[in-house]
């Protein structure tokens, strides 16, 4: 989540590379100090970690909460609700139905976070333009 926020405000300098007709010359590289390209964060997934404590799931648990866990699942989800990755931690096994339930919860939570992030980024950009 923090990576998406940081990258949304990152400017990438515009670079022009000119290659001469003579193949033995080095290409000329011009890096602009004034023109920047915006990094597109729309494809960056968000990672939701669900910690299983008893019969309950905790989203992004604290260290103290994790000390009571039986298992934790981290699910990487993009803005289209597609799963990009999944890891499981902890010594206890998980029934497949529990894993599917945790994935469903992670997908739901990720869409809420992505909507919140989009709103916060848009508000910050509007504030920056107003200044």
Foldseek 3Di string as FASTA:
>chain_A
DVVLLVLQPDWAWDKDWADDPDPVDDIDIDTDPPDTDRDDSQFFWDKWKWFDAPNDTDTPDDPVVNVRGQKMKIWTAGLVLDTPDMDMDHDDDDDVVVVVVVSVVRSVVRNVVVVVSVVVSVVVVVVVVVD
